[in-house]
PDB file of all heavy atoms in Angstrom:
ATOM      1  N   ARG A   1     -59.934  61.784 180.027  1.00  0.00           N
ATOM      2  CA  ARG A   1     -58.907  62.067 179.023  1.00  0.00           C
ATOM      3  C   ARG A   1     -58.060  63.280 179.407  1.00  0.00           C
ATOM      4  O   ARG A   1     -56.980  63.499 178.864  1.00  0.00           O
ATOM      5  CB  ARG A   1     -59.557  62.264 177.651  1.00  0.00           C
ATOM      6  CG  ARG A   1     -60.032  60.959 177.025  1.00  0.00           C
ATOM      7  CD  ARG A   1     -60.870  61.151 175.799  1.00  0.00           C
ATOM      8  NE  ARG A   1     -62.204  61.628 176.126  1.00  0.00           N
ATOM      9  CZ  ARG A   1     -63.267  61.562 175.310  1.00  0.00           C
ATOM     10  NH1 ARG A   1     -63.111  61.036 174.103  1.00  0.00           N
ATOM     11  NH2 ARG A   1     -64.443  62.000 175.683  1.00  0.00           N
ATOM     12  N   ASN A   2     -58.568  64.064 180.373  1.00  0.00           N
ATOM     13  CA  ASN A   2     -57.827  65.228 180.864  1.00  0.00           C
ATOM     14  C   ASN A   2     -57.130  64.920 182.187  1.00  0.00           C
ATOM     15  O   ASN A   2     -56.920  65.809 183.014  1.00  0.00           O
ATOM     16  CB  ASN A   2     -58.784  66.407 181.051  1.00  0.00           C
ATOM     17  CG  ASN A   2     -59.501  66.780 179.769  1.00  0.00           C
ATOM     18  OD1 ASN A   2     -58.916  66.727 178.685  1.00  0.00           O
ATOM     19  ND2 ASN A   2     -60.762  67.153 179.876  1.00  0.00           N
ATOM     20  N   TYR A   3     -56.748  63.679 182.397  1.00  0.00           N
ATOM     21  CA  TYR A   3     -56.234  63.254 183.699  1.00  0.00           C
ATOM     22  C   TYR A   3     -54.971  63.996 184.121  1.00  0.00           C
ATOM     23  O   TYR A   3     -54.726  64.198 185.316  1.00  0.00           O
ATOM     24  CB  TYR A   3     -55.992  61.742 183.715  1.00  0.00           C
ATOM     25  CG  TYR A   3     -54.966  61.226 182.739  1.00  0.00           C
ATOM     26  CD1 TYR A   3     -53.610  61.183 183.073  1.00  0.00           C
ATOM     27  CD2 TYR A   3     -55.340  60.745 181.482  1.00  0.00           C
ATOM     28  CE1 TYR A   3     -52.663  60.696 182.181  1.00  0.00           C
ATOM     29  CE2 TYR A   3     -54.397  60.252 180.592  1.00  0.00           C
ATOM     30  CZ  TYR A   3     -53.071  60.232 180.941  1.00  0.00           C
ATOM     31  OH  TYR A   3     -52.137  59.739 180.068  1.00  0.00           O
ATOM     32  N   LYS A   4     -54.155  64.428 183.175  1.00  0.00           N
ATOM     33  CA  LYS A   4     -52.914  65.116 183.551  1.00  0.00           C
ATOM     34  C   LYS A   4     -53.185  66.503 184.135  1.00  0.00           C
ATOM     35  O   LYS A   4     -52.303  67.076 184.787  1.00  0.00           O
ATOM     36  CB  LYS A   4     -51.988  65.218 182.345  1.00  0.00           C
ATOM     37  CG  LYS A   4     -51.362  63.894 181.944  1.00  0.00           C
ATOM     38  CD  LYS A   4     -50.334  64.059 180.847  1.00  0.00           C
ATOM     39  CE  LYS A   4     -49.690  62.734 180.476  1.00  0.00           C
ATOM     40  NZ  LYS A   4     -48.682  62.866 179.398  1.00  0.00           N
ATOM     41  N   ASP A   5     -54.386  67.036 183.916  1.00  0.00           N
ATOM     42  CA  ASP A   5     -54.753  68.322 184.513  1.00  0.00           C
ATOM     43  C   ASP A   5     -55.109  68.166 185.992  1.00  0.00           C
ATOM     44  O   ASP A   5     -55.188  69.167 186.719  1.00  0.00           O
ATOM     45  CB  ASP A   5     -55.956  68.930 183.778  1.00  0.00           C
ATOM     46  CG  ASP A   5     -55.645  69.273 182.337  1.00  0.00           C
ATOM     47  OD1 ASP A   5     -54.458  69.452 182.011  1.00  0.00           O
ATOM     48  OD2 ASP A   5     -56.596  69.355 181.526  1.00  0.00           O
ATOM     49  N   ILE A   6     -55.338  66.928 186.429  1.00  0.00           N
ATOM     50  CA  ILE A   6     -55.818  66.668 187.787  1.00  0.00           C
ATOM     51  C   ILE A   6     -54.799  65.913 188.623  1.00  0.00           C
ATOM     52  O   ILE A   6     -54.570  66.243 189.789  1.00  0.00           O
ATOM     53  CB  ILE A   6     -57.131  65.844 187.738  1.00  0.00           C
ATOM     54  CG1 ILE A   6     -58.189  66.567 186.913  1.00  0.00           C
ATOM     55  CG2 ILE A   6     -57.632  65.549 189.153  1.00  0.00           C
ATOM     56  CD1 ILE A   6     -59.393  65.708 186.615  1.00  0.00           C
ATOM     57  N   LEU A   7     -54.165  64.912 188.024  1.00  0.00           N
ATOM     58  CA  LEU A   7     -53.362  63.948 188.771  1.00  0.00           C
ATOM     59  C   LEU A   7     -51.869  64.206 188.610  1.00  0.00           C
ATOM     60  O   LEU A   7     -51.407  64.650 187.551  1.00  0.00           O
ATOM     61  CB  LEU A   7     -53.686  62.530 188.292  1.00  0.00           C
ATOM     62  CG  LEU A   7     -55.164  62.134 188.343  1.00  0.00           C
ATOM     63  CD1 LEU A   7     -55.379  60.809 187.627  1.00  0.00           C
ATOM     64  CD2 LEU A   7     -55.641  62.052 189.784  1.00  0.00           C
ATOM     65  N   SER A   8     -51.129  63.892 189.647  1.00  0.00           N
ATOM     66  CA  SER A   8     -49.671  64.014 189.612  1.00  0.00           C
ATOM     67  C   SER A   8     -49.053  62.661 189.272  1.00  0.00           C
ATOM     68  O   SER A   8     -49.585  61.614 189.639  1.00  0.00           O
ATOM     69  CB  SER A   8     -49.140  64.476 190.975  1.00  0.00           C
ATOM     70  OG  SER A   8     -49.692  65.734 191.311  1.00  0.00           O
ATOM     71  N   PRO A   9     -47.909  62.658 188.588  1.00  0.00           N
ATOM     72  CA  PRO A   9     -47.262  61.384 188.247  1.00  0.00           C
ATOM     73  C   PRO A   9     -46.885  60.585 189.489  1.00  0.00           C
ATOM     74  O   PRO A   9     -46.462  61.148 190.502  1.00  0.00           O
ATOM     75  CB  PRO A   9     -46.002  61.823 187.474  1.00  0.00           C
ATOM     76  CG  PRO A   9     -46.272  63.223 187.030  1.00  0.00           C
ATOM     77  CD  PRO A   9     -47.159  63.826 188.068  1.00  0.00           C
ATOM     78  N   GLU A  10     -47.060  59.269 189.400  1.00  0.00           N
ATOM     79  CA  GLU A  10     -46.654  58.327 190.444  1.00  0.00           C
ATOM     80  C   GLU A  10     -47.119  58.776 191.834  1.00  0.00           C
ATOM     81  O   GLU A  10     -46.348  58.815 192.791  1.00  0.00           O
ATOM     82  CB  GLU A  10     -45.138  58.138 190.420  1.00  0.00           C
ATOM     83  CG  GLU A  10     -44.647  57.557 189.097  1.00  0.00           C
ATOM     84  CD  GLU A  10     -43.181  57.166 189.120  1.00  0.00           C
ATOM     85  OE1 GLU A  10     -42.474  57.526 190.091  1.00  0.00           O
ATOM     86  OE2 GLU A  10     -42.739  56.500 188.171  1.00  0.00           O
ATOM     87  N   SER A  11     -48.413  59.069 191.954  1.00  0.00           N
ATOM     88  CA  SER A  11     -48.972  59.581 193.209  1.00  0.00           C
ATOM     89  C   SER A  11     -50.013  58.660 193.835  1.00  0.00           C
ATOM     90  O   SER A  11     -50.546  58.969 194.901  1.00  0.00           O
ATOM     91  CB  SER A  11     -49.606  60.960 192.960  1.00  0.00           C
ATOM     92  OG  SER A  11     -50.619  60.871 191.969  1.00  0.00           O
ATOM     93  N   VAL A  12     -50.310  57.529 193.193  1.00  0.00           N
ATOM     94  CA  VAL A  12     -51.398  56.661 193.633  1.00  0.00           C
ATOM     95  C   VAL A  12     -50.888  55.234 193.842  1.00  0.00           C
ATOM     96  O   VAL A  12     -50.092  54.731 193.039  1.00  0.00           O
ATOM     97  CB  VAL A  12     -52.539  56.676 192.589  1.00  0.00           C
ATOM     98  CG1 VAL A  12     -53.545  55.571 192.839  1.00  0.00           C
ATOM     99  CG2 VAL A  12     -53.231  58.036 192.585  1.00  0.00           C
ATOM    100  N   ASP A  13     -51.344  54.592 194.921  1.00  0.00           N
ATOM    101  CA  ASP A  13     -50.940  53.207 195.200  1.00  0.00           C
ATOM    102  C   ASP A  13     -51.792  52.203 194.425  1.00  0.00           C
ATOM    103  O   ASP A  13     -51.271  51.222 193.888  1.00  0.00           O
ATOM    104  CB  ASP A  13     -51.061  52.917 196.697  1.00  0.00           C
ATOM    105  CG  ASP A  13     -50.106  53.750 197.523  1.00  0.00           C
ATOM    106  OD1 ASP A  13     -48.906  53.449 197.498  1.00  0.00           O
ATOM    107  OD2 ASP A  13     -50.568  54.708 198.179  1.00  0.00           O
ATOM    108  N   TRP A  14     -53.106  52.445 194.405  1.00  0.00           N
ATOM    109  CA  TRP A  14     -54.035  51.524 193.744  1.00  0.00           C
ATOM    110  C   TRP A  14     -55.070  52.300 192.951  1.00  0.00           C
ATOM    111  O   TRP A  14     -55.589  53.318 193.419  1.00  0.00           O
ATOM    112  CB  TRP A  14     -54.789  50.667 194.769  1.00  0.00           C
ATOM    113  CG  TRP A  14     -53.946  49.764 195.590  1.00  0.00           C
ATOM    114  CD1 TRP A  14     -53.424  50.035 196.841  1.00  0.00           C
ATOM    115  CD2 TRP A  14     -53.496  48.446 195.253  1.00  0.00           C
ATOM    116  NE1 TRP A  14     -52.691  48.971 197.283  1.00  0.00           N
ATOM    117  CE2 TRP A  14     -52.728  47.968 196.332  1.00  0.00           C
ATOM    118  CE3 TRP A  14     -53.690  47.616 194.145  1.00  0.00           C
ATOM    119  CZ2 TRP A  14     -52.135  46.715 196.341  1.00  0.00           C
ATOM    120  CZ3 TRP A  14     -53.106  46.360 194.156  1.00  0.00           C
ATOM    121  CH2 TRP A  14     -52.338  45.920 195.236  1.00  0.00           C
ATOM    122  N   ILE A  15     -55.369  51.818 191.769  1.00  0.00           N
ATOM    123  CA  ILE A  15     -56.570  52.259 191.046  1.00  0.00           C
ATOM    124  C   ILE A  15     -57.567  51.120 191.163  1.00  0.00           C
ATOM    125  O   ILE A  15     -57.313  50.000 190.716  1.00  0.00           O
ATOM    126  CB  ILE A  15     -56.273  52.563 189.573  1.00  0.00           C
ATOM    127  CG1 ILE A  15     -55.248  53.688 189.448  1.00  0.00           C
ATOM    128  CG2 ILE A  15     -57.565  52.940 188.837  1.00  0.00           C
ATOM    129  CD1 ILE A  15     -54.798  53.963 188.020  1.00  0.00           C
ATOM    130  N   ILE A  16     -58.702  51.388 191.800  1.00  0.00           N
ATOM    131  CA  ILE A  16     -59.757  50.387 191.976  1.00  0.00           C
ATOM    132  C   ILE A  16     -61.023  50.970 191.378  1.00  0.00           C
ATOM    133  O   ILE A  16     -61.538  51.992 191.854  1.00  0.00           O
ATOM    134  CB  ILE A  16     -59.950  50.038 193.457  1.00  0.00           C
ATOM    135  CG1 ILE A  16     -58.639  49.507 194.047  1.00  0.00           C
ATOM    136  CG2 ILE A  16     -61.070  49.008 193.634  1.00  0.00           C
ATOM    137  CD1 ILE A  16     -58.705  49.179 195.529  1.00  0.00           C
ATOM    138  N   THR A  17     -61.530  50.340 190.320  1.00  0.00           N
ATOM    139  CA  THR A  17     -62.587  50.994 189.563  1.00  0.00           C
ATOM    140  C   THR A  17     -63.478  49.998 188.830  1.00  0.00           C
ATOM    141  O   THR A  17     -63.119  48.828 188.658  1.00  0.00           O
ATOM    142  CB  THR A  17     -61.956  51.991 188.562  1.00  0.00           C
ATOM    143  OG1 THR A  17     -62.980  52.800 187.986  1.00  0.00           O
ATOM    144  CG2 THR A  17     -61.171  51.265 187.463  1.00  0.00           C
ATOM    145  N   ASP A  18     -64.634  50.479 188.417  1.00  0.00           N
ATOM    146  CA  ASP A  18     -65.636  49.671 187.701  1.00  0.00           C
ATOM    147  C   ASP A  18     -66.182  50.511 186.545  1.00  0.00           C
ATOM    148  O   ASP A  18     -67.233  51.125 186.662  1.00  0.00           O
ATOM    149  CB  ASP A  18     -66.748  49.272 188.668  1.00  0.00           C
ATOM    150  CG  ASP A  18     -67.832  48.424 188.023  1.00  0.00           C
ATOM    151  OD1 ASP A  18     -67.532  47.757 187.010  1.00  0.00           O
ATOM    152  OD2 ASP A  18     -68.972  48.436 188.519  1.00  0.00           O
ATOM    153  N   PRO A  19     -65.458  50.545 185.408  1.00  0.00           N
ATOM    154  CA  PRO A  19     -65.898  51.353 184.267  1.00  0.00           C
ATOM    155  C   PRO A  19     -67.177  50.801 183.640  1.00  0.00           C
ATOM    156  O   PRO A  19     -67.563  49.655 183.910  1.00  0.00           O
ATOM    157  CB  PRO A  19     -64.723  51.236 183.279  1.00  0.00           C
ATOM    158  CG  PRO A  19     -63.576  50.714 184.082  1.00  0.00           C
ATOM    159  CD  PRO A  19     -64.179  49.881 185.155  1.00  0.00           C
ATOM    160  N   PRO A  20     -67.827  51.576 182.786  1.00  0.00           N
ATOM    161  CA  PRO A  20     -69.026  51.069 182.085  1.00  0.00           C
ATOM    162  C   PRO A  20     -68.676  49.932 181.128  1.00  0.00           C
ATOM    163  O   PRO A  20     -67.601  49.907 180.537  1.00  0.00           O
ATOM    164  CB  PRO A  20     -69.544  52.301 181.331  1.00  0.00           C
ATOM    165  CG  PRO A  20     -68.372  53.232 181.248  1.00  0.00           C
ATOM    166  CD  PRO A  20     -67.541  52.980 182.456  1.00  0.00           C
ATOM    167  N   TYR A  21     -69.622  48.990 180.957  1.00  0.00           N
ATOM    168  CA  TYR A  21     -69.367  47.772 180.191  1.00  0.00           C
ATOM    169  C   TYR A  21     -69.767  47.814 178.709  1.00  0.00           C
ATOM    170  O   TYR A  21     -69.208  47.049 177.921  1.00  0.00           O
ATOM    171  CB  TYR A  21     -70.082  46.586 180.826  1.00  0.00           C
ATOM    172  CG  TYR A  21     -69.708  46.301 182.265  1.00  0.00           C
ATOM    173  CD1 TYR A  21     -70.517  45.498 183.063  1.00  0.00           C
ATOM    174  CD2 TYR A  21     -68.546  46.828 182.838  1.00  0.00           C
ATOM    175  CE1 TYR A  21     -70.186  45.223 184.374  1.00  0.00           C
ATOM    176  CE2 TYR A  21     -68.217  46.565 184.150  1.00  0.00           C
ATOM    177  CZ  TYR A  21     -69.053  45.756 184.924  1.00  0.00           C
ATOM    178  OH  TYR A  21     -68.727  45.488 186.217  1.00  0.00           O
ATOM    179  N   PRO A  22     -70.753  48.627 178.289  1.00  0.00           N
ATOM    180  CA  PRO A  22     -71.202  48.565 176.887  1.00  0.00           C
ATOM    181  C   PRO A  22     -70.084  48.825 175.873  1.00  0.00           C
ATOM    182  O   PRO A  22     -69.079  49.487 176.179  1.00  0.00           O
ATOM    183  CB  PRO A  22     -72.265  49.666 176.818  1.00  0.00           C
ATOM    184  CG  PRO A  22     -72.787  49.763 178.213  1.00  0.00           C
ATOM    185  CD  PRO A  22     -71.595  49.531 179.094  1.00  0.00           C
ATOM    186  N   LYS A  23     -70.288  48.324 174.661  1.00  0.00           N
ATOM    187  CA  LYS A  23     -69.271  48.398 173.608  1.00  0.00           C
ATOM    188  C   LYS A  23     -68.857  49.831 173.300  1.00  0.00           C
ATOM    189  O   LYS A  23     -67.683  50.103 173.012  1.00  0.00           O
ATOM    190  CB  LYS A  23     -69.794  47.721 172.343  1.00  0.00           C
ATOM    191  CG  LYS A  23     -68.767  47.614 171.234  1.00  0.00           C
ATOM    192  CD  LYS A  23     -69.307  46.836 170.047  1.00  0.00           C
ATOM    193  CE  LYS A  23     -68.257  46.670 168.959  1.00  0.00           C
ATOM    194  NZ  LYS A  23     -68.787  45.884 167.801  1.00  0.00           N
ATOM    195  N   LYS A  24     -69.789  50.775 173.367  1.00  0.00           N
ATOM    196  CA  LYS A  24     -69.476  52.162 173.016  1.00  0.00           C
ATOM    197  C   LYS A  24     -68.478  52.805 173.983  1.00  0.00           C
ATOM    198  O   LYS A  24     -67.926  53.875 173.699  1.00  0.00           O
ATOM    199  CB  LYS A  24     -70.748  52.995 172.951  1.00  0.00           C
ATOM    200  CG  LYS A  24     -71.457  53.183 174.283  1.00  0.00           C
ATOM    201  CD  LYS A  24     -72.703  54.050 174.109  1.00  0.00           C
ATOM    202  CE  LYS A  24     -73.422  54.267 175.429  1.00  0.00           C
ATOM    203  NZ  LYS A  24     -74.624  55.130 175.254  1.00  0.00           N
ATOM    204  N   PHE A  25     -68.249  52.131 175.132  1.00  0.00           N
ATOM    205  CA  PHE A  25     -67.303  52.670 176.111  1.00  0.00           C
ATOM    206  C   PHE A  25     -65.954  51.955 176.099  1.00  0.00           C
ATOM    207  O   PHE A  25     -65.126  52.182 176.986  1.00  0.00           O
ATOM    208  CB  PHE A  25     -67.896  52.590 177.516  1.00  0.00           C
ATOM    209  CG  PHE A  25     -69.073  53.484 177.744  1.00  0.00           C
ATOM    210  CD1 PHE A  25     -70.335  52.946 177.908  1.00  0.00           C
ATOM    211  CD2 PHE A  25     -68.927  54.864 177.775  1.00  0.00           C
ATOM    212  CE1 PHE A  25     -71.437  53.759 178.118  1.00  0.00           C
ATOM    213  CE2 PHE A  25     -70.019  55.692 177.981  1.00  0.00           C
ATOM    214  CZ  PHE A  25     -71.286  55.135 178.146  1.00  0.00           C
ATOM    215  N   LEU A  26     -65.699  51.123 175.107  1.00  0.00           N
ATOM    216  CA  LEU A  26     -64.420  50.408 175.068  1.00  0.00           C
ATOM    217  C   LEU A  26     -63.222  51.361 175.016  1.00  0.00           C
ATOM    218  O   LEU A  26     -62.124  51.011 175.479  1.00  0.00           O
ATOM    219  CB  LEU A  26     -64.384  49.459 173.868  1.00  0.00           C
ATOM    220  CG  LEU A  26     -65.115  48.122 174.032  1.00  0.00           C
ATOM    221  CD1 LEU A  26     -65.099  47.349 172.724  1.00  0.00           C
ATOM    222  CD2 LEU A  26     -64.475  47.292 175.145  1.00  0.00           C
ATOM    223  N   TRP A  27     -63.413  52.539 174.469  1.00  0.00           N
ATOM    224  CA  TRP A  27     -62.320  53.499 174.354  1.00  0.00           C
ATOM    225  C   TRP A  27     -61.739  53.877 175.721  1.00  0.00           C
ATOM    226  O   TRP A  27     -60.555  54.253 175.826  1.00  0.00           O
ATOM    227  CB  TRP A  27     -62.778  54.774 173.639  1.00  0.00           C
ATOM    228  CG  TRP A  27     -63.835  55.540 174.380  1.00  0.00           C
ATOM    229  CD1 TRP A  27     -65.186  55.424 174.238  1.00  0.00           C
ATOM    230  CD2 TRP A  27     -63.630  56.551 175.371  1.00  0.00           C
ATOM    231  NE1 TRP A  27     -65.839  56.288 175.085  1.00  0.00           N
ATOM    232  CE2 TRP A  27     -64.904  56.997 175.795  1.00  0.00           C
ATOM    233  CE3 TRP A  27     -62.498  57.127 175.948  1.00  0.00           C
ATOM    234  CZ2 TRP A  27     -65.082  57.981 176.758  1.00  0.00           C
ATOM    235  CZ3 TRP A  27     -62.665  58.102 176.926  1.00  0.00           C
ATOM    236  CH2 TRP A  27     -63.946  58.526 177.306  1.00  0.00           C
ATOM    237  N   VAL A  28     -62.573  53.760 176.795  1.00  0.00           N
ATOM    238  CA  VAL A  28     -62.089  54.206 178.099  1.00  0.00           C
ATOM    239  C   VAL A  28     -60.909  53.349 178.581  1.00  0.00           C
ATOM    240  O   VAL A  28     -60.080  53.818 179.379  1.00  0.00           O
ATOM    241  CB  VAL A  28     -63.206  54.200 179.171  1.00  0.00           C
ATOM    242  CG1 VAL A  28     -64.380  55.055 178.732  1.00  0.00           C
ATOM    243  CG2 VAL A  28     -63.650  52.797 179.526  1.00  0.00           C
ATOM    244  N   TYR A  29     -60.815  52.120 178.083  1.00  0.00           N
ATOM    245  CA  TYR A  29     -59.738  51.246 178.544  1.00  0.00           C
ATOM    246  C   TYR A  29     -58.388  51.633 177.932  1.00  0.00           C
ATOM    247  O   TYR A  29     -57.336  51.365 178.524  1.00  0.00           O
ATOM    248  CB  TYR A  29     -60.081  49.789 178.250  1.00  0.00           C
ATOM    249  CG  TYR A  29     -61.286  49.327 179.036  1.00  0.00           C
ATOM    250  CD1 TYR A  29     -62.552  49.344 178.469  1.00  0.00           C
ATOM    251  CD2 TYR A  29     -61.158  48.926 180.352  1.00  0.00           C
ATOM    252  CE1 TYR A  29     -63.666  48.946 179.194  1.00  0.00           C
ATOM    253  CE2 TYR A  29     -62.262  48.529 181.084  1.00  0.00           C
ATOM    254  CZ  TYR A  29     -63.514  48.543 180.502  1.00  0.00           C
ATOM    255  OH  TYR A  29     -64.624  48.161 181.238  1.00  0.00           O
ATOM    256  N   ASP A  30     -58.411  52.253 176.758  1.00  0.00           N
ATOM    257  CA  ASP A  30     -57.174  52.829 176.212  1.00  0.00           C
ATOM    258  C   ASP A  30     -56.668  53.936 177.127  1.00  0.00           C
ATOM    259  O   ASP A  30     -55.479  53.999 177.458  1.00  0.00           O
ATOM    260  CB  ASP A  30     -57.436  53.392 174.806  1.00  0.00           C
ATOM    261  CG  ASP A  30     -57.660  52.309 173.773  1.00  0.00           C
ATOM    262  OD1 ASP A  30     -56.809  51.421 173.649  1.00  0.00           O
ATOM    263  OD2 ASP A  30     -58.703  52.360 173.086  1.00  0.00           O
ATOM    264  N   VAL A  31     -57.594  54.816 177.532  1.00  0.00           N
ATOM    265  CA  VAL A  31     -57.221  55.922 178.408  1.00  0.00           C
ATOM    266  C   VAL A  31     -56.821  55.411 179.788  1.00  0.00           C
ATOM    267  O   VAL A  31     -55.862  55.894 180.387  1.00  0.00           O
ATOM    268  CB  VAL A  31     -58.387  56.928 178.528  1.00  0.00           C
ATOM    269  CG1 VAL A  31     -57.985  58.100 179.421  1.00  0.00           C
ATOM    270  CG2 VAL A  31     -58.807  57.431 177.160  1.00  0.00           C
ATOM    271  N   LEU A  32     -57.558  54.414 180.282  1.00  0.00           N
ATOM    272  CA  LEU A  32     -57.261  53.871 181.605  1.00  0.00           C
ATOM    273  C   LEU A  32     -55.862  53.257 181.652  1.00  0.00           C
ATOM    274  O   LEU A  32     -55.155  53.378 182.657  1.00  0.00           O
ATOM    275  CB  LEU A  32     -58.310  52.828 181.983  1.00  0.00           C
ATOM    276  CG  LEU A  32     -58.217  52.222 183.386  1.00  0.00           C
ATOM    277  CD1 LEU A  32     -58.277  53.303 184.457  1.00  0.00           C
ATOM    278  CD2 LEU A  32     -59.331  51.203 183.607  1.00  0.00           C
ATOM    279  N   SER A  33     -55.450  52.635 180.566  1.00  0.00           N
ATOM    280  CA  SER A  33     -54.104  52.070 180.505  1.00  0.00           C
ATOM    281  C   SER A  33     -53.043  53.168 180.579  1.00  0.00           C
ATOM    282  O   SER A  33     -52.070  53.072 181.338  1.00  0.00           O
ATOM    283  CB  SER A  33     -53.933  51.259 179.215  1.00  0.00           C
ATOM    284  OG  SER A  33     -52.654  50.688 179.127  1.00  0.00           O
ATOM    285  N   GLU A  34     -53.226  54.238 179.811  1.00  0.00           N
ATOM    286  CA  GLU A  34     -52.295  55.369 179.827  1.00  0.00           C
ATOM    287  C   GLU A  34     -52.284  56.046 181.192  1.00  0.00           C
ATOM    288  O   GLU A  34     -51.222  56.358 181.747  1.00  0.00           O
ATOM    289  CB  GLU A  34     -52.696  56.388 178.758  1.00  0.00           C
ATOM    290  CG  GLU A  34     -52.611  55.885 177.332  1.00  0.00           C
ATOM    291  CD  GLU A  34     -53.113  56.926 176.344  1.00  0.00           C
ATOM    292  OE1 GLU A  34     -53.400  58.063 176.783  1.00  0.00           O
ATOM    293  OE2 GLU A  34     -53.241  56.607 175.152  1.00  0.00           O
ATOM    294  N   LEU A  35     -53.485  56.300 181.713  1.00  0.00           N
ATOM    295  CA  LEU A  35     -53.633  56.964 183.008  1.00  0.00           C
ATOM    296  C   LEU A  35     -52.941  56.169 184.113  1.00  0.00           C
ATOM    297  O   LEU A  35     -52.230  56.731 184.948  1.00  0.00           O
ATOM    298  CB  LEU A  35     -55.127  57.123 183.312  1.00  0.00           C
ATOM    299  CG  LEU A  35     -55.576  57.794 184.608  1.00  0.00           C
ATOM    300  CD1 LEU A  35     -56.997  58.335 184.423  1.00  0.00           C
ATOM    301  CD2 LEU A  35     -55.573  56.846 185.794  1.00  0.00           C
ATOM    302  N   SER A  36     -53.135  54.855 184.109  1.00  0.00           N
ATOM    303  CA  SER A  36     -52.551  54.006 185.146  1.00  0.00           C
ATOM    304  C   SER A  36     -51.032  54.056 185.102  1.00  0.00           C
ATOM    305  O   SER A  36     -50.364  54.156 186.141  1.00  0.00           O
ATOM    306  CB  SER A  36     -53.035  52.562 184.972  1.00  0.00           C
ATOM    307  OG  SER A  36     -54.436  52.473 185.078  1.00  0.00           O
ATOM    308  N   ASP A  37     -50.479  53.984 183.901  1.00  0.00           N
ATOM    309  CA  ASP A  37     -49.022  54.044 183.742  1.00  0.00           C
ATOM    310  C   ASP A  37     -48.480  55.372 184.240  1.00  0.00           C
ATOM    311  O   ASP A  37     -47.376  55.450 184.782  1.00  0.00           O
ATOM    312  CB  ASP A  37     -48.666  53.824 182.274  1.00  0.00           C
ATOM    313  CG  ASP A  37     -47.167  53.783 182.040  1.00  0.00           C
ATOM    314  OD1 ASP A  37     -46.481  53.029 182.756  1.00  0.00           O
ATOM    315  OD2 ASP A  37     -46.683  54.501 181.148  1.00  0.00           O
ATOM    316  N   TYR A  38     -49.258  56.421 184.090  1.00  0.00           N
ATOM    317  CA  TYR A  38     -48.844  57.764 184.479  1.00  0.00           C
ATOM    318  C   TYR A  38     -48.930  57.988 185.988  1.00  0.00           C
ATOM    319  O   TYR A  38     -47.996  58.514 186.611  1.00  0.00           O
ATOM    320  CB  TYR A  38     -49.729  58.783 183.760  1.00  0.00           C
ATOM    321  CG  TYR A  38     -49.555  60.220 184.198  1.00  0.00           C
ATOM    322  CD1 TYR A  38     -48.512  61.002 183.708  1.00  0.00           C
ATOM    323  CD2 TYR A  38     -50.453  60.804 185.098  1.00  0.00           C
ATOM    324  CE1 TYR A  38     -48.360  62.325 184.097  1.00  0.00           C
ATOM    325  CE2 TYR A  38     -50.315  62.119 185.498  1.00  0.00           C
ATOM    326  CZ  TYR A  38     -49.268  62.884 184.999  1.00  0.00           C
ATOM    327  OH  TYR A  38     -49.122  64.184 185.392  1.00  0.00           O
ATOM    328  N   VAL A  39     -50.032  57.566 186.606  1.00  0.00           N
ATOM    329  CA  VAL A  39     -50.321  57.985 187.977  1.00  0.00           C
ATOM    330  C   VAL A  39     -49.895  56.974 189.034  1.00  0.00           C
ATOM    331  O   VAL A  39     -49.669  57.336 190.186  1.00  0.00           O
ATOM    332  CB  VAL A  39     -51.821  58.302 188.138  1.00  0.00           C
ATOM    333  CG1 VAL A  39     -52.662  57.019 188.235  1.00  0.00           C
ATOM    334  CG2 VAL A  39     -52.076  59.191 189.346  1.00  0.00           C
ATOM    335  N   LEU A  40     -49.750  55.697 188.675  1.00  0.00           N
ATOM    336  CA  LEU A  40     -49.409  54.689 189.676  1.00  0.00           C
ATOM    337  C   LEU A  40     -47.960  54.820 190.137  1.00  0.00           C
ATOM    338  O   LEU A  40     -47.064  55.109 189.346  1.00  0.00           O
ATOM    339  CB  LEU A  40     -49.635  53.285 189.125  1.00  0.00           C
ATOM    340  CG  LEU A  40     -51.082  52.800 189.030  1.00  0.00           C
ATOM    341  CD1 LEU A  40     -51.135  51.470 188.295  1.00  0.00           C
ATOM    342  CD2 LEU A  40     -51.723  52.671 190.411  1.00  0.00           C
ATOM    343  N   LYS A  41     -47.737  54.580 191.419  1.00  0.00           N
ATOM    344  CA  LYS A  41     -46.390  54.500 191.944  1.00  0.00           C
ATOM    345  C   LYS A  41     -45.709  53.256 191.361  1.00  0.00           C
ATOM    346  O   LYS A  41     -46.393  52.367 190.838  1.00  0.00           O
ATOM    347  CB  LYS A  41     -46.432  54.432 193.470  1.00  0.00           C
ATOM    348  CG  LYS A  41     -47.008  55.685 194.119  1.00  0.00           C
ATOM    349  CD  LYS A  41     -47.095  55.547 195.637  1.00  0.00           C
ATOM    350  CE  LYS A  41     -47.718  56.786 196.266  1.00  0.00           C
ATOM    351  NZ  LYS A  41     -47.865  56.658 197.735  1.00  0.00           N
ATOM    352  N   PRO A  42     -44.378  53.157 191.436  1.00  0.00           N
ATOM    353  CA  PRO A  42     -43.691  52.009 190.832  1.00  0.00           C
ATOM    354  C   PRO A  42     -44.218  50.651 191.286  1.00  0.00           C
ATOM    355  O   PRO A  42     -44.230  49.697 190.528  1.00  0.00           O
ATOM    356  CB  PRO A  42     -42.239  52.220 191.275  1.00  0.00           C
ATOM    357  CG  PRO A  42     -42.107  53.710 191.404  1.00  0.00           C
ATOM    358  CD  PRO A  42     -43.434  54.178 191.938  1.00  0.00           C
TER     359      PRO A  42
END
């Protein structure tokens, strides 16, 4: 959730990841969507 403290905008070609699957971790996909839009190159 603090990704903007670490990552620069449009600095990554691919996000390749395997987040946790249980229901209590569904919130991470909201953040992952925002993070991806922020950090991925066009």
